[in-house]
Amino acid sequence: MTEHDHGHDHGEHEHGDSHDHGESHDHGEHGHDHAEHEHHHEHVLSYPDAVAEFREDKDAYFKFNPYSPIPEAEREAFTGLPYFPVEEELRFEDLRLEPYTGTEPSDFQIPTSDGKLRPAHRAGYLTFEVDGESHRLTAYTFDGGDGESLFVPFLDRTSGTETYGAGRYMDLEPEDDGTYSLDFNLAYHPSCVYDPKFSCPLTPAENRLPIRIEAGERLPPA
């Protein structure tokens, strides 16, 4: 399914206290591979069909893989992750990483769900438009990474109700020309949503969007 999912736990950026697989960068579980999966199939499948196929693969991983973040006792009853419908207008391509110009330090400690701190770096901004209004998210990197793979956590007006209150994640790899694709359909919940043993970075306040992002993973409808 994905290199992170099948290779070493399903998270490069999260880890559990019972199966930490090597160095714990703790921020991306499948985002890099979302993009790889999508690009692999885009010549033969429509974009919505490619996303649907990826989601089927991910559900199988969550249900059957020994490194699934779903606690083992709950896997038999697991029937699949809930999602918003695919929204192609929330897929932004050819974005350039803009230099970070904010007042917060470029190097800082990002808090995690288990009360720890992890060294992180503000790599820059990604700017996009929704309904004619410009928005931007700060992209981060972590020690031990390649410097080009970006971690983009975010909060929006669904956070705490339809989606996890501490935010959702996206993981971005650069295209051949150095640009990035920001696709909210590939936004996913951190593993600590399923099991508190995982250590997951909390979304910095600067990445709170003043809009609803009805795309990607969601919590089960109430």
N, C-alpha and C. Protein backbone atom coordinates (compact mmCIF):
# COMPACT_ATOMS: atom_id res chain seq x y z
N MET A 1 0.81 -1.20 0.00
CA MET A 1 0.00 0.00 0.00
C MET A 1 0.85 1.26 0.00
N THR A 2 1.66 1.43 1.04
CA THR A 2 2.48 2.62 1.10
C THR A 2 3.81 2.28 1.76
N GLU A 3 4.81 3.06 1.47
CA GLU A 3 6.13 2.72 2.00
C GLU A 3 6.16 2.85 3.51
N HIS A 4 5.50 3.87 4.07
CA HIS A 4 5.51 4.02 5.51
C HIS A 4 4.60 2.98 6.14
N ASP A 5 3.45 2.75 5.53
CA ASP A 5 2.49 1.83 6.12
C ASP A 5 3.04 0.42 6.19
N HIS A 6 3.65 -0.03 5.13
CA HIS A 6 4.12 -1.40 5.11
C HIS A 6 5.55 -1.52 5.61
N GLY A 7 6.30 -0.40 5.61
CA GLY A 7 7.71 -0.49 5.93
C GLY A 7 8.00 -0.52 7.41
N HIS A 8 7.52 0.47 8.17
CA HIS A 8 7.89 0.53 9.58
C HIS A 8 6.81 1.26 10.33
N ASP A 9 5.85 0.50 10.80
CA ASP A 9 4.66 1.10 11.40
C ASP A 9 3.98 1.80 10.25
N HIS A 10 2.92 2.55 10.45
CA HIS A 10 2.40 3.29 9.33
C HIS A 10 2.71 4.74 9.53
N GLY A 11 3.61 5.07 10.49
CA GLY A 11 3.84 6.47 10.74
C GLY A 11 5.30 6.82 10.77
N GLU A 12 5.68 7.76 9.95
CA GLU A 12 7.02 8.30 10.05
C GLU A 12 7.06 9.34 11.15
N HIS A 13 5.94 9.99 11.41
CA HIS A 13 5.94 11.13 12.30
C HIS A 13 5.23 10.86 13.61
N GLU A 14 4.71 9.68 13.81
CA GLU A 14 4.09 9.33 15.08
C GLU A 14 4.70 8.01 15.52
N HIS A 15 4.60 7.75 16.81
CA HIS A 15 5.04 6.43 17.25
C HIS A 15 4.29 6.04 18.50
N GLY A 16 4.20 4.74 18.70
CA GLY A 16 3.57 4.24 19.91
C GLY A 16 4.63 3.76 20.89
N ASP A 17 4.28 3.80 22.16
CA ASP A 17 5.29 3.41 23.13
C ASP A 17 5.59 1.92 23.07
N SER A 18 4.77 1.16 22.37
CA SER A 18 5.03 -0.27 22.33
C SER A 18 5.66 -0.72 21.01
N HIS A 19 5.68 0.15 19.99
CA HIS A 19 6.32 -0.27 18.75
C HIS A 19 6.85 0.93 17.98
N ASP A 20 7.78 1.60 18.60
CA ASP A 20 8.46 2.69 17.92
C ASP A 20 9.46 2.06 16.95
N HIS A 21 9.37 2.43 15.68
CA HIS A 21 10.22 1.79 14.67
C HIS A 21 11.34 2.73 14.27
N GLY A 22 12.38 2.72 15.03
CA GLY A 22 13.53 3.54 14.70
C GLY A 22 13.31 4.97 15.17
N GLU A 23 13.96 5.91 14.49
CA GLU A 23 13.90 7.32 14.90
C GLU A 23 12.49 7.83 14.75
N SER A 24 12.02 8.57 15.75
CA SER A 24 10.62 8.99 15.76
C SER A 24 10.50 10.44 15.30
N HIS A 25 10.26 10.65 14.02
CA HIS A 25 10.04 12.00 13.52
C HIS A 25 8.64 12.47 13.88
N ASP A 26 7.73 11.52 14.01
CA ASP A 26 6.42 11.75 14.61
C ASP A 26 5.56 12.76 13.91
N HIS A 27 5.48 12.80 12.63
CA HIS A 27 4.45 13.64 12.07
C HIS A 27 3.79 13.10 10.84
N GLY A 28 4.20 12.10 10.17
CA GLY A 28 3.47 11.72 8.98
C GLY A 28 3.20 10.26 8.97
N GLU A 29 1.98 9.81 8.75
CA GLU A 29 1.79 8.39 8.71
C GLU A 29 1.60 7.90 7.29
N HIS A 30 0.90 8.62 6.46
CA HIS A 30 0.71 8.09 5.12
C HIS A 30 0.70 9.17 4.05
N GLY A 31 0.95 10.40 4.40
CA GLY A 31 0.77 11.46 3.42
C GLY A 31 1.69 11.37 2.23
N HIS A 32 2.97 11.02 2.43
CA HIS A 32 3.89 10.90 1.31
C HIS A 32 3.34 9.89 0.32
N ASP A 33 2.76 8.85 0.85
CA ASP A 33 2.35 7.76 0.02
C ASP A 33 0.99 8.00 -0.60
N HIS A 34 0.19 8.83 0.03
CA HIS A 34 -1.05 9.25 -0.61
C HIS A 34 -0.71 9.78 -2.01
N ALA A 35 0.29 10.69 -2.04
CA ALA A 35 0.63 11.31 -3.30
C ALA A 35 1.19 10.30 -4.29
N GLU A 36 2.06 9.40 -3.78
CA GLU A 36 2.64 8.40 -4.67
C GLU A 36 1.55 7.53 -5.26
N HIS A 37 0.62 7.13 -4.42
CA HIS A 37 -0.47 6.27 -4.89
C HIS A 37 -1.29 7.01 -5.95
N GLU A 38 -1.59 8.26 -5.65
CA GLU A 38 -2.39 9.04 -6.59
C GLU A 38 -1.69 9.18 -7.94
N HIS A 39 -0.39 9.55 -7.90
CA HIS A 39 0.33 9.74 -9.16
C HIS A 39 0.46 8.43 -9.93
N HIS A 40 0.58 7.34 -9.21
CA HIS A 40 0.74 6.05 -9.86
C HIS A 40 -0.51 5.70 -10.67
N HIS A 41 -1.66 6.12 -10.19
CA HIS A 41 -2.90 5.69 -10.83
C HIS A 41 -3.56 6.77 -11.69
N GLU A 42 -3.05 7.99 -11.70
CA GLU A 42 -3.80 9.05 -12.33
C GLU A 42 -3.91 8.87 -13.85
N HIS A 43 -3.05 8.05 -14.44
CA HIS A 43 -3.13 7.84 -15.88
C HIS A 43 -4.20 6.81 -16.26
N VAL A 44 -4.65 6.02 -15.30
CA VAL A 44 -5.62 4.99 -15.62
C VAL A 44 -6.91 5.14 -14.84
N LEU A 45 -6.91 5.92 -13.77
CA LEU A 45 -8.11 6.13 -12.97
C LEU A 45 -8.40 7.61 -12.87
N SER A 46 -9.67 7.95 -12.74
CA SER A 46 -10.01 9.33 -12.43
C SER A 46 -9.49 9.64 -11.03
N TYR A 47 -9.34 10.92 -10.75
CA TYR A 47 -8.84 11.29 -9.43
C TYR A 47 -9.73 10.75 -8.31
N PRO A 48 -11.06 10.93 -8.36
CA PRO A 48 -11.89 10.36 -7.28
C PRO A 48 -11.75 8.85 -7.15
N ASP A 49 -11.61 8.16 -8.26
CA ASP A 49 -11.45 6.70 -8.19
C ASP A 49 -10.11 6.32 -7.58
N ALA A 50 -9.06 7.10 -7.89
CA ALA A 50 -7.75 6.82 -7.31
C ALA A 50 -7.78 7.03 -5.80
N VAL A 51 -8.46 8.09 -5.35
CA VAL A 51 -8.57 8.33 -3.91
C VAL A 51 -9.37 7.21 -3.26
N ALA A 52 -10.46 6.80 -3.91
CA ALA A 52 -11.28 5.71 -3.35
C ALA A 52 -10.47 4.43 -3.22
N GLU A 53 -9.64 4.13 -4.21
CA GLU A 53 -8.83 2.92 -4.16
C GLU A 53 -7.80 3.01 -3.04
N PHE A 54 -7.19 4.18 -2.90
CA PHE A 54 -6.24 4.35 -1.81
C PHE A 54 -6.92 4.13 -0.46
N ARG A 55 -8.12 4.67 -0.31
CA ARG A 55 -8.84 4.54 0.96
C ARG A 55 -9.19 3.08 1.25
N GLU A 56 -9.51 2.34 0.23
CA GLU A 56 -9.76 0.90 0.43
C GLU A 56 -8.50 0.21 0.92
N ASP A 57 -7.36 0.55 0.32
CA ASP A 57 -6.09 -0.05 0.75
C ASP A 57 -5.77 0.33 2.20
N LYS A 58 -6.04 1.58 2.53
CA LYS A 58 -5.74 2.03 3.88
C LYS A 58 -6.63 1.32 4.91
N ASP A 59 -7.91 1.14 4.56
CA ASP A 59 -8.80 0.41 5.46
C ASP A 59 -8.30 -1.01 5.69
N ALA A 60 -7.82 -1.65 4.63
CA ALA A 60 -7.30 -3.01 4.77
C ALA A 60 -6.07 -3.01 5.68
N TYR A 61 -5.23 -2.01 5.53
CA TYR A 61 -4.05 -1.89 6.40
C TYR A 61 -4.48 -1.73 7.85
N PHE A 62 -5.43 -0.83 8.09
CA PHE A 62 -5.87 -0.58 9.46
C PHE A 62 -6.49 -1.83 10.08
N LYS A 63 -7.15 -2.63 9.28
CA LYS A 63 -7.84 -3.81 9.82
C LYS A 63 -6.91 -5.00 10.01
N PHE A 64 -5.96 -5.19 9.10
CA PHE A 64 -5.21 -6.45 9.09
C PHE A 64 -3.73 -6.33 9.42
N ASN A 65 -3.12 -5.17 9.25
CA ASN A 65 -1.68 -5.07 9.46
C ASN A 65 -1.34 -5.08 10.95
N PRO A 66 -0.33 -5.82 11.37
CA PRO A 66 0.01 -5.87 12.80
C PRO A 66 0.42 -4.52 13.37
N TYR A 67 0.85 -3.59 12.52
CA TYR A 67 1.23 -2.26 12.99
C TYR A 67 0.10 -1.24 12.84
N SER A 68 -1.09 -1.69 12.62
CA SER A 68 -2.25 -0.80 12.55
C SER A 68 -2.36 0.01 13.84
N PRO A 69 -2.75 1.28 13.72
CA PRO A 69 -2.96 2.07 14.94
C PRO A 69 -4.25 1.69 15.68
N ILE A 70 -5.11 0.93 15.04
CA ILE A 70 -6.32 0.46 15.70
C ILE A 70 -5.92 -0.60 16.74
N PRO A 71 -6.30 -0.44 18.00
CA PRO A 71 -5.96 -1.47 18.98
C PRO A 71 -6.42 -2.85 18.52
N GLU A 72 -5.60 -3.85 18.77
CA GLU A 72 -5.87 -5.19 18.24
C GLU A 72 -7.26 -5.70 18.60
N ALA A 73 -7.70 -5.41 19.79
CA ALA A 73 -9.01 -5.90 20.23
C ALA A 73 -10.17 -5.27 19.47
N GLU A 74 -9.90 -4.14 18.80
CA GLU A 74 -10.95 -3.42 18.09
C GLU A 74 -10.94 -3.67 16.58
N ARG A 75 -9.93 -4.38 16.09
CA ARG A 75 -9.78 -4.51 14.63
C ARG A 75 -10.87 -5.35 14.00
N GLU A 76 -11.34 -6.38 14.70
CA GLU A 76 -12.36 -7.24 14.11
C GLU A 76 -13.63 -6.46 13.81
N ALA A 77 -13.96 -5.49 14.66
CA ALA A 77 -15.18 -4.70 14.48
C ALA A 77 -14.97 -3.50 13.56
N PHE A 78 -13.71 -3.23 13.16
CA PHE A 78 -13.41 -2.08 12.32
C PHE A 78 -13.97 -2.29 10.91
N THR A 79 -14.74 -1.31 10.43
CA THR A 79 -15.37 -1.42 9.10
C THR A 79 -14.90 -0.36 8.12
N GLY A 80 -13.96 0.47 8.51
CA GLY A 80 -13.44 1.48 7.59
C GLY A 80 -13.45 2.86 8.21
N LEU A 81 -12.53 3.71 7.74
CA LEU A 81 -12.43 5.08 8.22
C LEU A 81 -13.49 5.96 7.57
N PRO A 82 -14.05 6.90 8.30
CA PRO A 82 -15.02 7.82 7.70
C PRO A 82 -14.32 8.99 7.01
N TYR A 83 -14.90 9.44 5.91
CA TYR A 83 -14.33 10.53 5.13
C TYR A 83 -15.41 11.49 4.69
N PHE A 84 -14.99 12.73 4.41
CA PHE A 84 -15.82 13.64 3.65
C PHE A 84 -15.78 13.19 2.18
N PRO A 85 -16.78 13.55 1.39
CA PRO A 85 -16.71 13.25 -0.05
C PRO A 85 -15.49 13.92 -0.68
N VAL A 86 -14.97 13.33 -1.73
CA VAL A 86 -13.84 13.92 -2.45
C VAL A 86 -14.26 15.27 -3.02
N GLU A 87 -13.45 16.27 -2.77
CA GLU A 87 -13.71 17.63 -3.24
C GLU A 87 -12.50 18.09 -4.04
N GLU A 88 -12.59 17.99 -5.36
CA GLU A 88 -11.43 18.30 -6.19
C GLU A 88 -11.02 19.76 -6.12
N GLU A 89 -11.93 20.65 -5.75
CA GLU A 89 -11.58 22.06 -5.64
C GLU A 89 -10.68 22.33 -4.44
N LEU A 90 -10.54 21.36 -3.56
CA LEU A 90 -9.64 21.51 -2.42
C LEU A 90 -8.32 20.78 -2.65
N ARG A 91 -7.94 20.69 -3.88
CA ARG A 91 -6.67 20.12 -4.31
C ARG A 91 -5.91 21.21 -5.05
N PHE A 92 -4.76 21.62 -4.50
CA PHE A 92 -4.01 22.76 -5.04
C PHE A 92 -2.63 22.28 -5.48
N GLU A 93 -2.32 22.52 -6.75
CA GLU A 93 -1.06 22.04 -7.30
C GLU A 93 -0.15 23.21 -7.65
N ASP A 94 1.12 22.86 -7.89
CA ASP A 94 2.12 23.83 -8.33
C ASP A 94 2.35 24.96 -7.34
N LEU A 95 2.31 24.65 -6.05
CA LEU A 95 2.54 25.66 -5.02
C LEU A 95 4.03 25.75 -4.71
N ARG A 96 4.51 26.96 -4.59
CA ARG A 96 5.90 27.20 -4.20
C ARG A 96 5.97 27.44 -2.70
N LEU A 97 6.99 26.88 -2.08
CA LEU A 97 7.20 27.12 -0.66
C LEU A 97 7.78 28.52 -0.50
N GLU A 98 7.03 29.39 0.17
CA GLU A 98 7.43 30.78 0.37
C GLU A 98 8.24 30.89 1.66
N PRO A 99 9.22 31.76 1.70
CA PRO A 99 10.06 31.88 2.91
C PRO A 99 9.22 32.25 4.13
N TYR A 100 9.61 31.73 5.27
CA TYR A 100 8.91 32.07 6.52
C TYR A 100 9.31 33.48 6.95
N THR A 101 8.31 34.33 7.19
CA THR A 101 8.57 35.73 7.55
C THR A 101 7.86 36.11 8.85
N GLY A 102 7.34 35.15 9.58
CA GLY A 102 6.59 35.45 10.79
C GLY A 102 7.48 35.83 11.96
N THR A 103 6.85 36.16 13.07
CA THR A 103 7.57 36.61 14.25
C THR A 103 7.96 35.46 15.18
N GLU A 104 7.40 34.28 14.96
CA GLU A 104 7.77 33.12 15.78
C GLU A 104 9.14 32.60 15.34
N PRO A 105 9.87 31.95 16.22
CA PRO A 105 11.20 31.45 15.84
C PRO A 105 11.11 30.35 14.78
N SER A 106 12.07 30.35 13.87
CA SER A 106 12.08 29.31 12.84
C SER A 106 12.33 27.94 13.43
N ASP A 107 13.19 27.86 14.43
CA ASP A 107 13.45 26.61 15.14
C ASP A 107 12.71 26.66 16.47
N PHE A 108 11.94 25.63 16.76
CA PHE A 108 11.15 25.65 17.98
C PHE A 108 10.85 24.23 18.42
N GLN A 109 10.14 24.10 19.53
CA GLN A 109 9.75 22.80 20.08
C GLN A 109 8.24 22.65 19.92
N ILE A 110 7.82 21.66 19.15
CA ILE A 110 6.39 21.46 18.96
C ILE A 110 5.88 20.49 20.03
N PRO A 111 4.80 20.85 20.73
CA PRO A 111 4.28 19.95 21.77
C PRO A 111 3.58 18.74 21.15
N THR A 112 3.54 17.66 21.89
CA THR A 112 2.92 16.43 21.40
C THR A 112 1.76 16.03 22.32
N SER A 113 0.98 15.08 21.83
CA SER A 113 -0.22 14.65 22.54
C SER A 113 0.08 14.00 23.88
N ASP A 114 1.31 13.52 24.07
CA ASP A 114 1.66 12.89 25.33
C ASP A 114 2.51 13.80 26.22
N GLY A 115 2.41 15.11 25.98
CA GLY A 115 3.05 16.08 26.86
C GLY A 115 4.53 16.28 26.66
N LYS A 116 5.06 15.85 25.53
CA LYS A 116 6.48 16.02 25.26
C LYS A 116 6.69 17.18 24.30
N LEU A 117 7.94 17.45 23.99
CA LEU A 117 8.31 18.48 23.03
C LEU A 117 9.23 17.86 21.99
N ARG A 118 9.09 18.28 20.75
CA ARG A 118 9.90 17.71 19.68
C ARG A 118 10.50 18.84 18.84
N PRO A 119 11.79 18.80 18.55
CA PRO A 119 12.40 19.86 17.74
C PRO A 119 11.77 19.92 16.35
N ALA A 120 11.40 21.12 15.94
CA ALA A 120 10.78 21.32 14.63
C ALA A 120 11.27 22.63 14.03
N HIS A 121 11.00 22.81 12.75
CA HIS A 121 11.47 23.98 12.03
C HIS A 121 10.36 24.50 11.12
N ARG A 122 10.16 25.80 11.13
CA ARG A 122 9.21 26.43 10.22
C ARG A 122 9.90 26.59 8.87
N ALA A 123 9.49 25.77 7.91
CA ALA A 123 10.17 25.74 6.61
C ALA A 123 9.69 26.84 5.68
N GLY A 124 8.45 27.30 5.88
CA GLY A 124 7.90 28.33 4.99
C GLY A 124 6.40 28.23 4.90
N TYR A 125 5.84 28.96 3.95
CA TYR A 125 4.39 29.02 3.78
C TYR A 125 3.95 28.41 2.46
N LEU A 126 2.74 27.88 2.46
CA LEU A 126 2.06 27.47 1.23
C LEU A 126 0.75 28.26 1.18
N THR A 127 0.55 28.98 0.10
CA THR A 127 -0.61 29.85 -0.05
C THR A 127 -1.56 29.30 -1.10
N PHE A 128 -2.86 29.37 -0.82
CA PHE A 128 -3.88 28.83 -1.72
C PHE A 128 -5.16 29.65 -1.55
N GLU A 129 -6.09 29.48 -2.47
CA GLU A 129 -7.35 30.22 -2.43
C GLU A 129 -8.53 29.26 -2.30
N VAL A 130 -9.47 29.62 -1.45
CA VAL A 130 -10.73 28.90 -1.32
C VAL A 130 -11.85 29.93 -1.44
N ASP A 131 -12.74 29.72 -2.39
CA ASP A 131 -13.85 30.65 -2.62
C ASP A 131 -13.37 32.09 -2.79
N GLY A 132 -12.26 32.23 -3.51
CA GLY A 132 -11.78 33.57 -3.83
C GLY A 132 -11.00 34.25 -2.72
N GLU A 133 -10.84 33.59 -1.58
CA GLU A 133 -10.09 34.17 -0.47
C GLU A 133 -8.76 33.45 -0.30
N SER A 134 -7.71 34.23 -0.06
CA SER A 134 -6.37 33.66 0.10
C SER A 134 -6.15 33.18 1.53
N HIS A 135 -5.54 32.00 1.65
CA HIS A 135 -5.19 31.42 2.93
C HIS A 135 -3.77 30.86 2.82
N ARG A 136 -3.14 30.69 3.96
CA ARG A 136 -1.82 30.07 3.93
C ARG A 136 -1.64 29.19 5.16
N LEU A 137 -0.81 28.18 4.98
CA LEU A 137 -0.45 27.28 6.06
C LEU A 137 1.07 27.26 6.18
N THR A 138 1.54 27.18 7.40
CA THR A 138 2.97 27.01 7.63
C THR A 138 3.33 25.54 7.47
N ALA A 139 4.40 25.28 6.77
CA ALA A 139 4.92 23.92 6.59
C ALA A 139 6.12 23.74 7.50
N TYR A 140 6.26 22.53 8.04
CA TYR A 140 7.31 22.26 9.02
C TYR A 140 8.19 21.11 8.55
N THR A 141 9.39 21.08 9.09
CA THR A 141 10.27 19.93 8.94
C THR A 141 10.74 19.52 10.34
N PHE A 142 11.28 18.31 10.43
CA PHE A 142 11.75 17.77 11.70
C PHE A 142 13.19 17.31 11.56
N ASP A 143 13.89 17.30 12.66
CA ASP A 143 15.25 16.79 12.65
C ASP A 143 15.25 15.36 12.13
N GLY A 144 16.23 15.05 11.29
CA GLY A 144 16.34 13.70 10.76
C GLY A 144 15.65 13.52 9.42
N GLY A 145 14.92 14.54 8.96
CA GLY A 145 14.26 14.44 7.67
C GLY A 145 15.20 14.82 6.54
N ASP A 146 14.65 14.82 5.33
CA ASP A 146 15.49 15.13 4.17
C ASP A 146 15.50 16.62 3.83
N GLY A 147 14.75 17.43 4.57
CA GLY A 147 14.74 18.85 4.33
C GLY A 147 13.77 19.30 3.26
N GLU A 148 13.23 18.36 2.48
CA GLU A 148 12.30 18.70 1.41
C GLU A 148 10.89 18.19 1.69
N SER A 149 10.77 17.11 2.44
CA SER A 149 9.47 16.59 2.81
C SER A 149 8.86 17.49 3.87
N LEU A 150 7.63 17.92 3.64
CA LEU A 150 6.99 18.90 4.52
C LEU A 150 5.86 18.27 5.30
N PHE A 151 5.76 18.68 6.54
CA PHE A 151 4.65 18.31 7.42
C PHE A 151 3.73 19.51 7.55
N VAL A 152 2.45 19.33 7.21
CA VAL A 152 1.48 20.43 7.24
C VAL A 152 0.27 20.01 8.07
N PRO A 153 0.30 20.27 9.37
CA PRO A 153 -0.89 20.04 10.19
C PRO A 153 -1.79 21.26 10.10
N PHE A 154 -3.07 21.08 10.32
CA PHE A 154 -3.97 22.24 10.27
C PHE A 154 -5.20 22.00 11.12
N LEU A 155 -5.78 23.10 11.55
CA LEU A 155 -7.08 23.15 12.20
C LEU A 155 -8.02 23.94 11.30
N ASP A 156 -9.28 23.64 11.37
CA ASP A 156 -10.28 24.40 10.61
C ASP A 156 -11.57 24.39 11.41
N ARG A 157 -12.62 24.91 10.84
CA ARG A 157 -13.86 25.04 11.59
C ARG A 157 -14.62 23.72 11.76
N THR A 158 -14.07 22.64 11.26
CA THR A 158 -14.63 21.32 11.59
C THR A 158 -13.92 20.70 12.79
N SER A 159 -12.77 21.28 13.18
CA SER A 159 -11.95 20.69 14.25
C SER A 159 -12.70 20.73 15.58
N GLY A 160 -12.74 19.59 16.24
CA GLY A 160 -13.40 19.50 17.52
C GLY A 160 -14.85 19.05 17.42
N THR A 161 -15.37 19.00 16.22
CA THR A 161 -16.73 18.51 16.00
C THR A 161 -16.69 17.37 14.99
N GLU A 162 -16.60 17.70 13.71
CA GLU A 162 -16.55 16.65 12.70
C GLU A 162 -15.17 16.01 12.58
N THR A 163 -14.13 16.73 12.99
CA THR A 163 -12.76 16.21 12.91
C THR A 163 -12.07 16.39 14.26
N TYR A 164 -10.93 15.73 14.40
CA TYR A 164 -10.18 15.70 15.66
C TYR A 164 -9.82 17.12 16.10
N GLY A 165 -10.01 17.39 17.39
CA GLY A 165 -9.82 18.73 17.90
C GLY A 165 -8.40 19.25 17.82
N ALA A 166 -7.40 18.38 17.80
CA ALA A 166 -6.01 18.80 17.74
C ALA A 166 -5.50 18.91 16.31
N GLY A 167 -6.37 18.69 15.32
CA GLY A 167 -6.00 18.91 13.94
C GLY A 167 -5.82 17.65 13.11
N ARG A 168 -5.66 17.87 11.84
CA ARG A 168 -5.37 16.81 10.87
C ARG A 168 -4.03 17.10 10.21
N TYR A 169 -3.51 16.10 9.52
CA TYR A 169 -2.17 16.19 8.96
C TYR A 169 -2.18 16.03 7.44
N MET A 170 -1.19 16.64 6.81
CA MET A 170 -0.85 16.34 5.42
C MET A 170 0.67 16.25 5.33
N ASP A 171 1.17 15.34 4.50
CA ASP A 171 2.60 15.19 4.26
C ASP A 171 2.86 15.43 2.78
N LEU A 172 3.80 16.29 2.48
CA LEU A 172 4.04 16.70 1.11
C LEU A 172 5.45 16.37 0.67
N GLU A 173 5.56 15.83 -0.54
CA GLU A 173 6.85 15.61 -1.19
C GLU A 173 6.96 16.57 -2.37
N PRO A 174 8.15 17.11 -2.65
CA PRO A 174 8.28 18.02 -3.79
C PRO A 174 8.12 17.31 -5.12
N GLU A 175 7.53 18.02 -6.08
CA GLU A 175 7.49 17.54 -7.45
C GLU A 175 8.87 17.74 -8.07
N ASP A 176 9.04 17.25 -9.29
CA ASP A 176 10.34 17.36 -9.96
C ASP A 176 10.78 18.81 -10.13
N ASP A 177 9.81 19.72 -10.26
CA ASP A 177 10.15 21.13 -10.45
C ASP A 177 10.26 21.90 -9.14
N GLY A 178 10.17 21.19 -8.01
CA GLY A 178 10.31 21.83 -6.72
C GLY A 178 9.03 22.37 -6.12
N THR A 179 7.92 22.26 -6.85
CA THR A 179 6.64 22.72 -6.30
C THR A 179 6.01 21.62 -5.46
N TYR A 180 4.92 21.97 -4.78
CA TYR A 180 4.21 21.04 -3.92
C TYR A 180 2.73 21.03 -4.27
N SER A 181 2.09 19.91 -4.01
CA SER A 181 0.64 19.79 -4.13
C SER A 181 0.05 19.69 -2.73
N LEU A 182 -0.91 20.56 -2.46
CA LEU A 182 -1.60 20.59 -1.17
C LEU A 182 -3.01 20.07 -1.41
N ASP A 183 -3.27 18.86 -0.96
CA ASP A 183 -4.53 18.20 -1.27
C ASP A 183 -5.25 17.83 0.02
N PHE A 184 -6.30 18.58 0.33
CA PHE A 184 -7.03 18.33 1.57
C PHE A 184 -7.81 17.02 1.54
N ASN A 185 -8.03 16.45 0.37
CA ASN A 185 -8.65 15.13 0.31
C ASN A 185 -7.76 14.06 0.93
N LEU A 186 -6.48 14.37 1.06
CA LEU A 186 -5.52 13.43 1.64
C LEU A 186 -5.21 13.76 3.09
N ALA A 187 -5.93 14.71 3.67
CA ALA A 187 -5.74 15.03 5.09
C ALA A 187 -6.16 13.84 5.94
N TYR A 188 -5.38 13.54 6.96
CA TYR A 188 -5.65 12.35 7.76
C TYR A 188 -5.51 12.66 9.24
N HIS A 189 -6.13 11.83 10.04
CA HIS A 189 -6.06 11.96 11.49
C HIS A 189 -4.78 11.33 12.03
N PRO A 190 -4.19 11.93 13.06
CA PRO A 190 -3.03 11.29 13.69
C PRO A 190 -3.41 10.00 14.40
N SER A 191 -2.44 9.16 14.60
CA SER A 191 -2.69 7.85 15.20
C SER A 191 -3.22 7.92 16.62
N CYS A 192 -2.93 9.02 17.33
CA CYS A 192 -3.42 9.12 18.70
C CYS A 192 -4.93 9.24 18.77
N VAL A 193 -5.60 9.48 17.63
CA VAL A 193 -7.05 9.43 17.59
C VAL A 193 -7.54 8.02 17.91
N TYR A 194 -6.76 7.03 17.51
CA TYR A 194 -7.17 5.64 17.66
C TYR A 194 -6.61 4.98 18.91
N ASP A 195 -5.43 5.45 19.35
CA ASP A 195 -4.81 4.84 20.51
C ASP A 195 -3.89 5.88 21.16
N PRO A 196 -4.12 6.22 22.44
CA PRO A 196 -3.33 7.28 23.08
C PRO A 196 -1.86 6.93 23.29
N LYS A 197 -1.45 5.70 23.02
CA LYS A 197 -0.03 5.36 23.18
C LYS A 197 0.84 6.06 22.13
N PHE A 198 0.23 6.57 21.06
CA PHE A 198 1.00 7.26 20.03
C PHE A 198 1.32 8.68 20.47
N SER A 199 2.48 9.14 20.10
CA SER A 199 2.91 10.51 20.37
C SER A 199 2.75 11.32 19.09
N CYS A 200 1.83 12.27 19.10
CA CYS A 200 1.48 12.99 17.87
C CYS A 200 1.66 14.49 18.07
N PRO A 201 2.31 15.17 17.15
CA PRO A 201 2.46 16.62 17.27
C PRO A 201 1.10 17.32 17.27
N LEU A 202 0.98 18.33 18.12
CA LEU A 202 -0.24 19.14 18.16
C LEU A 202 -0.09 20.30 17.17
N THR A 203 -1.19 20.65 16.53
CA THR A 203 -1.15 21.68 15.49
C THR A 203 -0.91 23.06 16.09
N PRO A 204 0.14 23.77 15.66
CA PRO A 204 0.35 25.13 16.15
C PRO A 204 -0.83 26.04 15.78
N ALA A 205 -1.08 27.04 16.63
CA ALA A 205 -2.22 27.93 16.44
C ALA A 205 -2.14 28.69 15.11
N GLU A 206 -0.93 28.92 14.61
CA GLU A 206 -0.79 29.67 13.36
C GLU A 206 -1.40 28.93 12.16
N ASN A 207 -1.67 27.64 12.31
CA ASN A 207 -2.25 26.87 11.21
C ASN A 207 -3.74 26.61 11.42
N ARG A 208 -4.40 27.53 12.09
CA ARG A 208 -5.86 27.45 12.22
C ARG A 208 -6.50 28.22 11.07
N LEU A 209 -7.24 27.52 10.23
CA LEU A 209 -7.91 28.14 9.10
C LEU A 209 -9.30 28.62 9.53
N PRO A 210 -9.71 29.82 9.09
CA PRO A 210 -11.01 30.37 9.49
C PRO A 210 -12.16 29.88 8.62
N ILE A 211 -12.01 28.71 8.04
CA ILE A 211 -13.00 28.15 7.13
C ILE A 211 -13.20 26.67 7.45
N ARG A 212 -14.24 26.10 6.89
CA ARG A 212 -14.48 24.67 7.02
C ARG A 212 -13.76 23.95 5.87
N ILE A 213 -13.01 22.93 6.21
CA ILE A 213 -12.37 22.09 5.20
C ILE A 213 -13.10 20.75 5.22
N GLU A 214 -14.08 20.63 4.35
CA GLU A 214 -14.89 19.41 4.30
C GLU A 214 -14.30 18.46 3.27
N ALA A 215 -13.12 17.95 3.60
CA ALA A 215 -12.40 17.01 2.73
C ALA A 215 -11.46 16.21 3.62
N GLY A 216 -11.12 15.01 3.18
CA GLY A 216 -10.21 14.16 3.92
C GLY A 216 -10.92 13.38 5.02
N GLU A 217 -10.13 12.83 5.94
CA GLU A 217 -10.67 12.03 7.02
C GLU A 217 -11.50 12.88 7.97
N ARG A 218 -12.51 12.25 8.53
CA ARG A 218 -13.37 12.91 9.51
C ARG A 218 -13.65 11.93 10.65
N LEU A 219 -14.28 12.41 11.70
CA LEU A 219 -14.75 11.53 12.75
C LEU A 219 -16.07 10.90 12.33
N PRO A 220 -16.44 9.78 12.91
CA PRO A 220 -17.74 9.19 12.58
C PRO A 220 -18.87 10.18 12.89
N PRO A 221 -19.85 10.29 12.02
CA PRO A 221 -20.99 11.18 12.30
C PRO A 221 -21.63 10.82 13.63
N ALA A 222 -22.02 11.84 14.37
CA ALA A 222 -22.63 11.61 15.69
C ALA A 222 -23.98 10.91 15.53
